[in-house]
Amino acid sequence: MSTLYLLHKPYRMLSQFTDKQARATLADVITVPGVYAAGRLDYDSEGLLLLSDDGELIHRISHPRYKQPKTYWAQVEGEISDAALKALRQGVTLKDGPTQPAKARRIDPPTIAPRQPDIDPKRHPSTSWLELTISEGRNRQVRRMTAHVGFPTLRLIRAAIGPWRLDGLAPGEWRKETLHTPRPANAPPGRGVGQRVAQQKNQHARPTTKRRKP
């Protein structure tokens, strides 16, 4: 058995437990000892972050070889066009090479807590939302993809990683799931990463108390 923690990382929080600049870190919202994040989210991005004390599980979730699809909700500048969505679905060429085809569609604004601070409507009077699913993990990839097609991302929320979803978690909250231990590649077919055994009651983190330097 392995234990996995699903955390809703708030905006302007580092995906690590310490910081010399006194910025908000994971230690402000989750106090489970010995856990590490499977991958990361940028400081200015929000949403699902997976943590565990099982190194093999972390590797299987985060390593590009396993290609766990990641789904994002992006609030972009302007009304996203059909041409832009088509380009994202076909793949776009960034400075570090072409991206793989993505799943992209318009969505209504998701039911999620407002960001603090929220998008300034005076600076950005017209915005829209899209859902984008990718299987790569390049640096700031979603932001670069939407900017490439002419619609810069203003707010970015990761909604899912593989079978795990953000559903029901407010910023700073987490829940625990118990999984079957991942099986070696040469083992007979059976339950492995992503097969849920039991889901524990939601755990509510304390509000972030660490203050950022101005």
N, C-alpha and C. Protein backbone atom coordinates (compact mmCIF):
# COMPACT_ATOMS: atom_id res chain seq x y z
N MET A 1 0.84 -1.20 0.00
CA MET A 1 0.00 0.00 0.00
C MET A 1 0.88 1.25 0.00
N SER A 2 0.40 2.29 -0.67
CA SER A 2 1.07 3.58 -0.67
C SER A 2 0.04 4.65 -0.33
N THR A 3 0.52 5.73 0.22
CA THR A 3 -0.35 6.85 0.58
C THR A 3 -0.04 8.03 -0.32
N LEU A 4 -1.09 8.64 -0.84
CA LEU A 4 -0.96 9.79 -1.72
C LEU A 4 -1.78 10.93 -1.14
N TYR A 5 -1.20 12.12 -1.17
CA TYR A 5 -1.88 13.31 -0.67
C TYR A 5 -2.18 14.23 -1.85
N LEU A 6 -3.44 14.61 -1.98
CA LEU A 6 -3.88 15.52 -3.03
C LEU A 6 -4.06 16.90 -2.41
N LEU A 7 -3.28 17.86 -2.86
CA LEU A 7 -3.29 19.20 -2.29
C LEU A 7 -3.69 20.22 -3.34
N HIS A 8 -4.51 21.18 -2.94
CA HIS A 8 -4.81 22.33 -3.79
C HIS A 8 -3.81 23.42 -3.43
N LYS A 9 -2.76 23.56 -4.25
CA LYS A 9 -1.74 24.58 -4.00
C LYS A 9 -2.30 25.95 -4.32
N PRO A 10 -2.22 26.87 -3.36
CA PRO A 10 -2.73 28.22 -3.63
C PRO A 10 -1.80 29.00 -4.56
N TYR A 11 -2.34 30.10 -5.06
CA TYR A 11 -1.59 31.07 -5.85
C TYR A 11 -0.48 31.67 -5.00
N ARG A 12 0.66 31.92 -5.64
CA ARG A 12 1.82 32.51 -4.98
C ARG A 12 2.28 31.70 -3.77
N MET A 13 2.43 30.41 -4.00
CA MET A 13 3.03 29.50 -3.02
C MET A 13 4.02 28.62 -3.76
N LEU A 14 5.19 28.39 -3.17
CA LEU A 14 6.19 27.53 -3.76
C LEU A 14 5.83 26.07 -3.59
N SER A 15 6.23 25.24 -4.56
CA SER A 15 5.98 23.79 -4.49
C SER A 15 7.13 23.11 -3.73
N GLN A 16 7.48 23.66 -2.59
CA GLN A 16 8.55 23.12 -1.75
C GLN A 16 8.25 23.52 -0.31
N PHE A 17 9.03 22.97 0.62
CA PHE A 17 8.71 23.14 2.03
C PHE A 17 9.53 24.22 2.73
N THR A 18 10.56 24.76 2.10
CA THR A 18 11.36 25.80 2.71
C THR A 18 11.66 26.89 1.68
N ASP A 19 11.94 28.09 2.20
CA ASP A 19 12.32 29.18 1.32
C ASP A 19 13.06 30.24 2.12
N LYS A 20 14.23 30.63 1.65
CA LYS A 20 15.05 31.61 2.36
C LYS A 20 14.48 33.02 2.26
N GLN A 21 13.56 33.24 1.32
CA GLN A 21 12.99 34.57 1.13
C GLN A 21 11.65 34.75 1.87
N ALA A 22 11.31 33.78 2.70
CA ALA A 22 10.09 33.85 3.52
C ALA A 22 8.81 33.91 2.71
N ARG A 23 8.83 33.34 1.49
CA ARG A 23 7.60 33.22 0.72
C ARG A 23 6.79 32.03 1.23
N ALA A 24 5.52 32.00 0.88
CA ALA A 24 4.66 30.89 1.31
C ALA A 24 5.15 29.58 0.70
N THR A 25 5.13 28.52 1.50
CA THR A 25 5.57 27.19 1.05
C THR A 25 4.53 26.14 1.44
N LEU A 26 4.77 24.92 1.00
CA LEU A 26 3.86 23.82 1.33
C LEU A 26 3.77 23.59 2.83
N ALA A 27 4.83 23.95 3.57
CA ALA A 27 4.81 23.76 5.02
C ALA A 27 3.72 24.58 5.69
N ASP A 28 3.21 25.60 5.01
CA ASP A 28 2.13 26.42 5.56
C ASP A 28 0.78 25.72 5.52
N VAL A 29 0.64 24.70 4.67
CA VAL A 29 -0.69 24.10 4.50
C VAL A 29 -0.72 22.59 4.74
N ILE A 30 0.43 21.91 4.74
CA ILE A 30 0.42 20.48 4.99
C ILE A 30 1.60 20.14 5.91
N THR A 31 1.30 19.45 7.00
CA THR A 31 2.31 19.18 8.02
C THR A 31 2.64 17.70 8.14
N VAL A 32 2.27 16.90 7.15
CA VAL A 32 2.58 15.47 7.16
C VAL A 32 4.09 15.30 6.99
N PRO A 33 4.77 14.60 7.90
CA PRO A 33 6.22 14.49 7.79
C PRO A 33 6.66 13.53 6.69
N GLY A 34 7.80 13.84 6.07
CA GLY A 34 8.43 12.91 5.14
C GLY A 34 7.82 12.81 3.77
N VAL A 35 6.96 13.75 3.39
CA VAL A 35 6.35 13.68 2.06
C VAL A 35 7.06 14.65 1.11
N TYR A 36 7.03 14.30 -0.17
CA TYR A 36 7.63 15.12 -1.21
C TYR A 36 6.64 15.25 -2.36
N ALA A 37 6.77 16.33 -3.11
CA ALA A 37 5.86 16.57 -4.23
C ALA A 37 6.27 15.76 -5.44
N ALA A 38 5.29 15.21 -6.13
CA ALA A 38 5.52 14.52 -7.40
C ALA A 38 5.38 15.56 -8.51
N GLY A 39 6.50 16.19 -8.87
CA GLY A 39 6.45 17.29 -9.81
C GLY A 39 6.25 18.60 -9.07
N ARG A 40 5.86 19.62 -9.79
CA ARG A 40 5.74 20.93 -9.20
C ARG A 40 4.70 21.76 -9.95
N LEU A 41 4.33 22.85 -9.33
CA LEU A 41 3.52 23.89 -9.96
C LEU A 41 4.26 25.21 -9.78
N ASP A 42 4.21 26.05 -10.79
CA ASP A 42 4.88 27.34 -10.67
C ASP A 42 4.28 28.16 -9.53
N TYR A 43 5.08 29.08 -9.04
CA TYR A 43 4.70 29.97 -7.94
C TYR A 43 3.39 30.69 -8.24
N ASP A 44 3.19 31.11 -9.50
CA ASP A 44 2.01 31.87 -9.87
C ASP A 44 0.90 31.02 -10.47
N SER A 45 1.01 29.70 -10.34
CA SER A 45 -0.05 28.79 -10.78
C SER A 45 -0.71 28.15 -9.56
N GLU A 46 -1.90 27.62 -9.77
CA GLU A 46 -2.68 27.04 -8.68
C GLU A 46 -3.10 25.62 -9.03
N GLY A 47 -3.67 24.93 -8.05
CA GLY A 47 -4.32 23.68 -8.36
C GLY A 47 -3.66 22.45 -7.78
N LEU A 48 -3.91 21.32 -8.46
CA LEU A 48 -3.59 20.02 -7.90
C LEU A 48 -2.08 19.76 -7.86
N LEU A 49 -1.62 19.37 -6.68
CA LEU A 49 -0.25 18.93 -6.47
C LEU A 49 -0.33 17.61 -5.69
N LEU A 50 0.39 16.60 -6.16
CA LEU A 50 0.39 15.29 -5.52
C LEU A 50 1.66 15.12 -4.69
N LEU A 51 1.51 14.57 -3.49
CA LEU A 51 2.64 14.34 -2.60
C LEU A 51 2.57 12.93 -2.03
N SER A 52 3.74 12.38 -1.70
CA SER A 52 3.79 11.05 -1.10
C SER A 52 5.14 10.87 -0.41
N ASP A 53 5.22 9.87 0.47
CA ASP A 53 6.51 9.47 1.05
C ASP A 53 7.05 8.23 0.34
N ASP A 54 6.39 7.81 -0.74
CA ASP A 54 6.78 6.63 -1.51
C ASP A 54 7.54 7.10 -2.75
N GLY A 55 8.86 6.91 -2.75
CA GLY A 55 9.68 7.39 -3.85
C GLY A 55 9.33 6.79 -5.19
N GLU A 56 8.99 5.48 -5.22
CA GLU A 56 8.64 4.85 -6.48
C GLU A 56 7.34 5.41 -7.03
N LEU A 57 6.39 5.65 -6.15
CA LEU A 57 5.12 6.24 -6.58
C LEU A 57 5.34 7.64 -7.15
N ILE A 58 6.15 8.45 -6.48
CA ILE A 58 6.46 9.78 -6.97
C ILE A 58 7.10 9.70 -8.36
N HIS A 59 8.03 8.77 -8.54
CA HIS A 59 8.70 8.61 -9.83
C HIS A 59 7.70 8.25 -10.93
N ARG A 60 6.80 7.34 -10.64
CA ARG A 60 5.86 6.88 -11.66
C ARG A 60 4.83 7.96 -12.00
N ILE A 61 4.57 8.85 -11.08
CA ILE A 61 3.64 9.94 -11.37
C ILE A 61 4.32 11.05 -12.15
N SER A 62 5.56 11.38 -11.77
CA SER A 62 6.19 12.59 -12.30
C SER A 62 7.11 12.36 -13.48
N HIS A 63 7.61 11.13 -13.70
CA HIS A 63 8.59 10.93 -14.77
C HIS A 63 7.90 11.03 -16.14
N PRO A 64 8.49 11.77 -17.09
CA PRO A 64 7.87 11.93 -18.42
C PRO A 64 7.62 10.61 -19.13
N ARG A 65 8.38 9.57 -18.82
CA ARG A 65 8.21 8.29 -19.51
C ARG A 65 6.81 7.73 -19.33
N TYR A 66 6.20 8.01 -18.19
CA TYR A 66 4.87 7.45 -17.91
C TYR A 66 3.74 8.32 -18.45
N LYS A 67 4.07 9.55 -18.87
CA LYS A 67 3.14 10.42 -19.60
C LYS A 67 1.77 10.53 -18.94
N GLN A 68 1.78 10.86 -17.65
CA GLN A 68 0.51 11.11 -16.98
C GLN A 68 -0.10 12.38 -17.59
N PRO A 69 -1.28 12.31 -18.18
CA PRO A 69 -1.89 13.52 -18.73
C PRO A 69 -2.22 14.51 -17.62
N LYS A 70 -2.04 15.78 -17.90
CA LYS A 70 -2.33 16.84 -16.93
C LYS A 70 -3.33 17.79 -17.57
N THR A 71 -4.39 18.07 -16.84
CA THR A 71 -5.45 18.94 -17.33
C THR A 71 -5.43 20.26 -16.58
N TYR A 72 -5.50 21.35 -17.34
CA TYR A 72 -5.43 22.70 -16.78
C TYR A 72 -6.65 23.50 -17.20
N TRP A 73 -7.05 24.41 -16.31
CA TRP A 73 -8.03 25.43 -16.65
C TRP A 73 -7.27 26.74 -16.77
N ALA A 74 -7.36 27.37 -17.91
CA ALA A 74 -6.64 28.62 -18.14
C ALA A 74 -7.61 29.75 -18.44
N GLN A 75 -7.50 30.83 -17.69
CA GLN A 75 -8.22 32.05 -17.98
C GLN A 75 -7.29 32.91 -18.82
N VAL A 76 -7.73 33.23 -20.03
CA VAL A 76 -6.86 33.91 -20.97
C VAL A 76 -7.38 35.29 -21.33
N GLU A 77 -6.49 36.10 -21.85
CA GLU A 77 -6.86 37.44 -22.31
C GLU A 77 -7.66 37.32 -23.60
N GLY A 78 -8.86 37.92 -23.62
CA GLY A 78 -9.69 37.90 -24.82
C GLY A 78 -10.56 36.66 -24.92
N GLU A 79 -11.35 36.61 -25.98
CA GLU A 79 -12.24 35.47 -26.25
C GLU A 79 -11.50 34.48 -27.14
N ILE A 80 -11.17 33.32 -26.60
CA ILE A 80 -10.39 32.33 -27.33
C ILE A 80 -11.10 31.96 -28.62
N SER A 81 -10.37 31.93 -29.72
CA SER A 81 -10.96 31.69 -31.04
C SER A 81 -10.91 30.22 -31.43
N ASP A 82 -11.74 29.85 -32.40
CA ASP A 82 -11.71 28.49 -32.93
C ASP A 82 -10.35 28.18 -33.54
N ALA A 83 -9.76 29.15 -34.21
CA ALA A 83 -8.45 28.93 -34.84
C ALA A 83 -7.38 28.65 -33.79
N ALA A 84 -7.44 29.36 -32.68
CA ALA A 84 -6.46 29.13 -31.62
C ALA A 84 -6.63 27.73 -31.01
N LEU A 85 -7.87 27.33 -30.77
CA LEU A 85 -8.13 25.99 -30.23
C LEU A 85 -7.64 24.92 -31.19
N LYS A 86 -7.88 25.10 -32.48
CA LYS A 86 -7.43 24.14 -33.49
C LYS A 86 -5.91 24.03 -33.49
N ALA A 87 -5.22 25.17 -33.36
CA ALA A 87 -3.76 25.15 -33.34
C ALA A 87 -3.23 24.39 -32.12
N LEU A 88 -3.86 24.59 -30.97
CA LEU A 88 -3.44 23.89 -29.76
C LEU A 88 -3.66 22.39 -29.91
N ARG A 89 -4.77 22.00 -30.55
CA ARG A 89 -5.05 20.58 -30.75
C ARG A 89 -4.06 19.92 -31.70
N GLN A 90 -3.55 20.70 -32.65
CA GLN A 90 -2.61 20.16 -33.61
C GLN A 90 -1.17 20.17 -33.09
N GLY A 91 -0.90 21.04 -32.11
CA GLY A 91 0.46 21.23 -31.61
C GLY A 91 1.05 22.49 -32.19
N VAL A 92 1.77 23.22 -31.36
CA VAL A 92 2.40 24.48 -31.80
C VAL A 92 3.91 24.36 -31.62
N THR A 93 4.63 25.18 -32.34
CA THR A 93 6.09 25.15 -32.26
C THR A 93 6.60 26.27 -31.36
N LEU A 94 7.19 25.88 -30.23
CA LEU A 94 7.75 26.83 -29.29
C LEU A 94 9.26 26.92 -29.50
N LYS A 95 9.92 27.74 -28.71
CA LYS A 95 11.36 27.90 -28.88
C LYS A 95 12.13 26.61 -28.65
N ASP A 96 11.58 25.73 -27.80
CA ASP A 96 12.24 24.46 -27.53
C ASP A 96 11.65 23.30 -28.34
N GLY A 97 10.96 23.65 -29.43
CA GLY A 97 10.48 22.62 -30.34
C GLY A 97 8.96 22.49 -30.34
N PRO A 98 8.44 21.66 -31.26
CA PRO A 98 7.00 21.50 -31.38
C PRO A 98 6.41 20.74 -30.18
N THR A 99 5.21 21.14 -29.79
CA THR A 99 4.50 20.43 -28.73
C THR A 99 3.71 19.28 -29.33
N GLN A 100 3.37 18.32 -28.50
CA GLN A 100 2.47 17.26 -28.93
C GLN A 100 1.05 17.82 -29.00
N PRO A 101 0.19 17.21 -29.82
CA PRO A 101 -1.19 17.65 -29.87
C PRO A 101 -1.83 17.62 -28.48
N ALA A 102 -2.61 18.63 -28.17
CA ALA A 102 -3.27 18.74 -26.87
C ALA A 102 -4.78 18.61 -27.06
N LYS A 103 -5.46 18.31 -25.99
CA LYS A 103 -6.92 18.41 -25.98
C LYS A 103 -7.25 19.82 -25.52
N ALA A 104 -8.04 20.53 -26.26
CA ALA A 104 -8.35 21.92 -25.94
C ALA A 104 -9.82 22.21 -26.24
N ARG A 105 -10.50 22.85 -25.29
CA ARG A 105 -11.89 23.22 -25.50
C ARG A 105 -12.24 24.42 -24.63
N ARG A 106 -13.22 25.19 -25.10
CA ARG A 106 -13.74 26.28 -24.28
C ARG A 106 -14.53 25.69 -23.10
N ILE A 107 -14.48 26.38 -21.98
CA ILE A 107 -15.31 25.98 -20.84
C ILE A 107 -15.90 27.24 -20.21
N ASP A 108 -16.98 27.04 -19.45
CA ASP A 108 -17.49 28.12 -18.63
C ASP A 108 -16.53 28.35 -17.47
N PRO A 109 -16.54 29.52 -16.86
CA PRO A 109 -15.67 29.74 -15.69
C PRO A 109 -15.89 28.64 -14.65
N PRO A 110 -14.83 27.98 -14.20
CA PRO A 110 -15.01 26.88 -13.26
C PRO A 110 -15.49 27.37 -11.90
N THR A 111 -16.18 26.49 -11.19
CA THR A 111 -16.64 26.81 -9.85
C THR A 111 -15.47 26.63 -8.89
N ILE A 112 -14.79 27.71 -8.61
CA ILE A 112 -13.58 27.64 -7.79
C ILE A 112 -13.41 28.98 -7.08
N ALA A 113 -12.76 28.95 -5.95
CA ALA A 113 -12.60 30.17 -5.15
C ALA A 113 -11.88 31.26 -5.94
N PRO A 114 -12.27 32.51 -5.77
CA PRO A 114 -11.56 33.61 -6.44
C PRO A 114 -10.10 33.63 -6.02
N ARG A 115 -9.27 34.04 -6.94
CA ARG A 115 -7.85 34.18 -6.62
C ARG A 115 -7.63 35.47 -5.83
N GLN A 116 -6.65 35.44 -4.95
CA GLN A 116 -6.30 36.64 -4.19
C GLN A 116 -4.86 37.05 -4.48
N PRO A 117 -4.62 38.18 -5.16
CA PRO A 117 -5.64 39.08 -5.74
C PRO A 117 -6.20 38.51 -7.04
N ASP A 118 -7.41 38.88 -7.35
CA ASP A 118 -8.07 38.39 -8.56
C ASP A 118 -7.62 39.22 -9.77
N ILE A 119 -8.03 38.76 -10.96
CA ILE A 119 -7.72 39.48 -12.18
C ILE A 119 -8.40 40.85 -12.17
N ASP A 120 -7.65 41.88 -12.51
CA ASP A 120 -8.18 43.25 -12.50
C ASP A 120 -9.04 43.45 -13.76
N PRO A 121 -10.36 43.64 -13.59
CA PRO A 121 -11.23 43.80 -14.78
C PRO A 121 -10.96 45.08 -15.55
N LYS A 122 -10.36 46.08 -14.93
CA LYS A 122 -10.03 47.31 -15.66
C LYS A 122 -8.86 47.07 -16.62
N ARG A 123 -7.90 46.27 -16.20
CA ARG A 123 -6.75 45.97 -17.06
C ARG A 123 -7.09 44.88 -18.07
N HIS A 124 -8.00 43.98 -17.70
CA HIS A 124 -8.34 42.84 -18.56
C HIS A 124 -9.87 42.75 -18.66
N PRO A 125 -10.51 43.63 -19.43
CA PRO A 125 -11.97 43.67 -19.48
C PRO A 125 -12.59 42.46 -20.17
N SER A 126 -11.83 41.80 -21.04
CA SER A 126 -12.37 40.64 -21.76
C SER A 126 -11.48 39.43 -21.51
N THR A 127 -12.06 38.38 -20.93
CA THR A 127 -11.32 37.13 -20.69
C THR A 127 -12.21 35.95 -21.03
N SER A 128 -11.59 34.79 -21.19
CA SER A 128 -12.34 33.55 -21.42
C SER A 128 -11.55 32.40 -20.81
N TRP A 129 -12.21 31.25 -20.71
CA TRP A 129 -11.60 30.07 -20.09
C TRP A 129 -11.50 28.93 -21.10
N LEU A 130 -10.41 28.19 -21.02
CA LEU A 130 -10.31 26.96 -21.79
C LEU A 130 -9.74 25.86 -20.91
N GLU A 131 -10.05 24.63 -21.29
CA GLU A 131 -9.49 23.45 -20.64
C GLU A 131 -8.47 22.84 -21.59
N LEU A 132 -7.26 22.62 -21.10
CA LEU A 132 -6.17 22.12 -21.93
C LEU A 132 -5.55 20.91 -21.24
N THR A 133 -5.45 19.80 -21.98
CA THR A 133 -4.84 18.59 -21.45
C THR A 133 -3.60 18.26 -22.26
N ILE A 134 -2.47 18.15 -21.56
CA ILE A 134 -1.19 17.84 -22.21
C ILE A 134 -0.55 16.65 -21.51
N SER A 135 0.39 16.00 -22.19
CA SER A 135 1.10 14.87 -21.60
C SER A 135 2.59 15.15 -21.49
N GLU A 136 2.98 16.40 -21.76
CA GLU A 136 4.37 16.80 -21.60
C GLU A 136 4.52 17.62 -20.32
N GLY A 137 5.76 17.96 -19.98
CA GLY A 137 5.98 18.71 -18.75
C GLY A 137 7.05 19.77 -18.91
N ARG A 138 6.99 20.53 -20.00
CA ARG A 138 7.99 21.58 -20.21
C ARG A 138 7.74 22.76 -19.27
N ASN A 139 8.78 23.54 -19.07
CA ASN A 139 8.68 24.69 -18.19
C ASN A 139 7.65 25.69 -18.72
N ARG A 140 6.66 26.01 -17.89
CA ARG A 140 5.61 26.99 -18.20
C ARG A 140 4.98 26.72 -19.56
N GLN A 141 4.75 25.46 -19.85
CA GLN A 141 4.31 25.07 -21.19
C GLN A 141 2.94 25.63 -21.55
N VAL A 142 1.97 25.51 -20.66
CA VAL A 142 0.62 25.97 -21.00
C VAL A 142 0.62 27.47 -21.25
N ARG A 143 1.29 28.21 -20.43
CA ARG A 143 1.36 29.67 -20.62
C ARG A 143 2.00 30.00 -21.97
N ARG A 144 3.06 29.29 -22.32
CA ARG A 144 3.73 29.56 -23.59
C ARG A 144 2.85 29.16 -24.78
N MET A 145 2.10 28.07 -24.63
CA MET A 145 1.24 27.63 -25.72
C MET A 145 0.12 28.63 -25.98
N THR A 146 -0.56 29.10 -24.93
CA THR A 146 -1.66 30.03 -25.15
C THR A 146 -1.15 31.38 -25.66
N ALA A 147 0.01 31.81 -25.17
CA ALA A 147 0.59 33.06 -25.68
C ALA A 147 0.95 32.92 -27.16
N HIS A 148 1.44 31.74 -27.54
CA HIS A 148 1.83 31.51 -28.93
C HIS A 148 0.66 31.66 -29.89
N VAL A 149 -0.53 31.28 -29.45
CA VAL A 149 -1.70 31.39 -30.34
C VAL A 149 -2.45 32.71 -30.12
N GLY A 150 -1.84 33.63 -29.35
CA GLY A 150 -2.38 34.97 -29.24
C GLY A 150 -3.29 35.24 -28.06
N PHE A 151 -3.31 34.34 -27.07
CA PHE A 151 -4.20 34.51 -25.92
C PHE A 151 -3.42 34.24 -24.64
N PRO A 152 -2.71 35.24 -24.13
CA PRO A 152 -1.88 35.05 -22.92
C PRO A 152 -2.71 34.58 -21.73
N THR A 153 -2.14 33.68 -20.96
CA THR A 153 -2.80 33.17 -19.76
C THR A 153 -2.68 34.16 -18.62
N LEU A 154 -3.81 34.46 -17.99
CA LEU A 154 -3.87 35.34 -16.83
C LEU A 154 -3.95 34.56 -15.53
N ARG A 155 -4.64 33.44 -15.55
CA ARG A 155 -4.77 32.58 -14.36
C ARG A 155 -4.71 31.14 -14.81
N LEU A 156 -3.94 30.32 -14.08
CA LEU A 156 -3.76 28.93 -14.48
C LEU A 156 -3.97 28.01 -13.29
N ILE A 157 -4.88 27.04 -13.47
CA ILE A 157 -5.24 26.10 -12.42
C ILE A 157 -5.08 24.68 -12.95
N ARG A 158 -4.31 23.85 -12.28
CA ARG A 158 -4.22 22.44 -12.68
C ARG A 158 -5.38 21.68 -12.04
N ALA A 159 -6.21 21.10 -12.90
CA ALA A 159 -7.44 20.44 -12.44
C ALA A 159 -7.27 18.94 -12.23
N ALA A 160 -6.30 18.32 -12.93
CA ALA A 160 -6.17 16.86 -12.82
C ALA A 160 -4.76 16.44 -13.24
N ILE A 161 -4.32 15.34 -12.63
CA ILE A 161 -3.10 14.63 -13.03
C ILE A 161 -3.49 13.17 -13.16
N GLY A 162 -3.46 12.65 -14.38
CA GLY A 162 -3.90 11.27 -14.57
C GLY A 162 -5.31 11.10 -14.04
N PRO A 163 -5.56 10.10 -13.16
CA PRO A 163 -6.90 9.85 -12.64
C PRO A 163 -7.27 10.71 -11.43
N TRP A 164 -6.33 11.49 -10.94
CA TRP A 164 -6.57 12.29 -9.73
C TRP A 164 -7.04 13.68 -10.08
N ARG A 165 -8.10 14.15 -9.39
CA ARG A 165 -8.71 15.42 -9.73
C ARG A 165 -8.75 16.35 -8.52
N LEU A 166 -8.86 17.63 -8.81
CA LEU A 166 -8.90 18.67 -7.78
C LEU A 166 -10.25 18.73 -7.07
N ASP A 167 -11.23 18.05 -7.58
CA ASP A 167 -12.62 18.17 -7.14
C ASP A 167 -12.76 18.27 -5.61
N GLY A 168 -13.48 19.29 -5.16
CA GLY A 168 -13.84 19.40 -3.76
C GLY A 168 -12.80 20.01 -2.85
N LEU A 169 -11.65 20.40 -3.38
CA LEU A 169 -10.60 20.96 -2.55
C LEU A 169 -10.51 22.48 -2.76
N ALA A 170 -10.62 23.22 -1.68
CA ALA A 170 -10.40 24.67 -1.73
C ALA A 170 -8.90 24.94 -1.63
N PRO A 171 -8.45 26.12 -2.02
CA PRO A 171 -7.03 26.43 -1.91
C PRO A 171 -6.51 26.20 -0.49
N GLY A 172 -5.40 25.45 -0.39
CA GLY A 172 -4.80 25.14 0.90
C GLY A 172 -5.34 23.88 1.55
N GLU A 173 -6.37 23.25 0.98
CA GLU A 173 -6.91 22.01 1.53
C GLU A 173 -6.29 20.80 0.86
N TRP A 174 -6.33 19.64 1.57
CA TRP A 174 -5.79 18.41 1.01
C TRP A 174 -6.60 17.22 1.50
N ARG A 175 -6.46 16.12 0.79
CA ARG A 175 -7.06 14.88 1.23
C ARG A 175 -6.09 13.73 0.97
N LYS A 176 -6.32 12.62 1.64
CA LYS A 176 -5.41 11.48 1.58
C LYS A 176 -6.10 10.30 0.92
N GLU A 177 -5.36 9.61 0.05
CA GLU A 177 -5.85 8.37 -0.57
C GLU A 177 -4.84 7.26 -0.35
N THR A 178 -5.34 6.05 -0.17
CA THR A 178 -4.50 4.88 -0.05
C THR A 178 -4.56 4.09 -1.34
N LEU A 179 -3.40 3.74 -1.89
CA LEU A 179 -3.30 3.08 -3.17
C LEU A 179 -2.59 1.75 -3.02
N HIS A 180 -2.81 0.84 -3.98
CA HIS A 180 -1.98 -0.34 -4.08
C HIS A 180 -0.57 0.07 -4.46
N THR A 181 0.42 -0.57 -3.93
CA THR A 181 1.81 -0.27 -4.27
C THR A 181 2.03 -0.50 -5.76
N PRO A 182 2.72 0.41 -6.48
CA PRO A 182 2.99 0.21 -7.91
C PRO A 182 3.71 -1.10 -8.16
N ARG A 183 3.33 -1.80 -9.22
CA ARG A 183 3.94 -3.08 -9.56
C ARG A 183 5.11 -2.88 -10.50
N PRO A 184 6.14 -3.70 -10.40
CA PRO A 184 7.25 -3.63 -11.36
C PRO A 184 6.76 -3.84 -12.78
N ALA A 185 7.54 -3.35 -13.75
CA ALA A 185 7.14 -3.42 -15.15
C ALA A 185 6.96 -4.85 -15.63
N ASN A 186 7.72 -5.82 -15.07
CA ASN A 186 7.64 -7.20 -15.53
C ASN A 186 6.67 -8.05 -14.70
N ALA A 187 5.90 -7.40 -13.81
CA ALA A 187 4.96 -8.15 -12.99
C ALA A 187 3.71 -8.47 -13.78
N PRO A 188 2.95 -9.53 -13.38
CA PRO A 188 1.69 -9.85 -14.06
C PRO A 188 0.72 -8.69 -13.94
N PRO A 189 -0.25 -8.61 -14.85
CA PRO A 189 -1.23 -7.54 -14.79
C PRO A 189 -1.92 -7.50 -13.44
N GLY A 190 -2.20 -6.31 -12.97
CA GLY A 190 -2.87 -6.16 -11.69
C GLY A 190 -3.07 -4.70 -11.40
N ARG A 191 -3.39 -4.40 -10.18
CA ARG A 191 -3.65 -3.02 -9.81
C ARG A 191 -2.34 -2.32 -9.52
N GLY A 192 -2.21 -1.10 -9.99
CA GLY A 192 -0.98 -0.36 -9.80
C GLY A 192 -1.26 1.09 -9.50
N VAL A 193 -0.39 1.98 -9.97
CA VAL A 193 -0.56 3.40 -9.71
C VAL A 193 -1.93 3.85 -10.23
N GLY A 194 -2.63 4.60 -9.41
CA GLY A 194 -3.93 5.13 -9.81
C GLY A 194 -5.09 4.28 -9.37
N GLN A 195 -4.83 3.06 -8.86
CA GLN A 195 -5.90 2.21 -8.37
C GLN A 195 -6.15 2.56 -6.91
N ARG A 196 -7.30 3.13 -6.65
CA ARG A 196 -7.59 3.64 -5.32
C ARG A 196 -8.19 2.55 -4.44
N VAL A 197 -7.73 2.49 -3.21
CA VAL A 197 -8.27 1.52 -2.27
C VAL A 197 -9.25 2.20 -1.33
N ALA A 198 -8.83 3.32 -0.74
CA ALA A 198 -9.71 4.03 0.17
C ALA A 198 -9.37 5.50 0.14
N GLN A 199 -10.37 6.33 0.29
CA GLN A 199 -10.15 7.77 0.32
C GLN A 199 -10.56 8.28 1.68
N GLN A 200 -9.66 8.98 2.33
CA GLN A 200 -9.91 9.48 3.67
C GLN A 200 -10.71 10.77 3.60
N LYS A 201 -11.30 11.11 4.72
CA LYS A 201 -12.06 12.35 4.83
C LYS A 201 -11.17 13.54 4.54
N ASN A 202 -11.73 14.55 3.90
CA ASN A 202 -10.95 15.74 3.58
C ASN A 202 -10.25 16.28 4.81
N GLN A 203 -9.00 16.69 4.61
CA GLN A 203 -8.23 17.32 5.67
C GLN A 203 -8.16 18.80 5.36
N HIS A 204 -8.47 19.63 6.33
CA HIS A 204 -8.50 21.07 6.10
C HIS A 204 -7.26 21.69 6.70
N ALA A 205 -6.48 22.33 5.85
CA ALA A 205 -5.24 22.93 6.31
C ALA A 205 -5.51 24.25 7.00
N ARG A 206 -4.58 24.65 7.82
CA ARG A 206 -4.65 25.98 8.41
C ARG A 206 -4.37 27.02 7.33
N PRO A 207 -4.94 28.21 7.47
CA PRO A 207 -4.64 29.26 6.50
C PRO A 207 -3.17 29.60 6.49
N THR A 208 -2.68 30.01 5.33
CA THR A 208 -1.28 30.40 5.22
C THR A 208 -0.99 31.57 6.15
N THR A 209 0.08 31.45 6.94
CA THR A 209 0.41 32.51 7.89
C THR A 209 1.72 33.20 7.54
N LYS A 210 2.57 32.55 6.78
CA LYS A 210 3.85 33.16 6.43
C LYS A 210 3.62 34.32 5.48
N ARG A 211 4.20 35.42 5.76
CA ARG A 211 4.00 36.60 4.94
C ARG A 211 5.16 36.78 4.00
N ARG A 212 4.85 37.22 2.77
CA ARG A 212 5.89 37.48 1.80
C ARG A 212 6.50 38.83 2.05
N LYS A 213 7.77 38.97 1.71
CA LYS A 213 8.42 40.27 1.79
C LYS A 213 7.86 41.17 0.69
N PRO A 214 7.69 42.44 0.97
CA PRO A 214 7.16 43.35 -0.08
C PRO A 214 8.16 43.51 -1.20
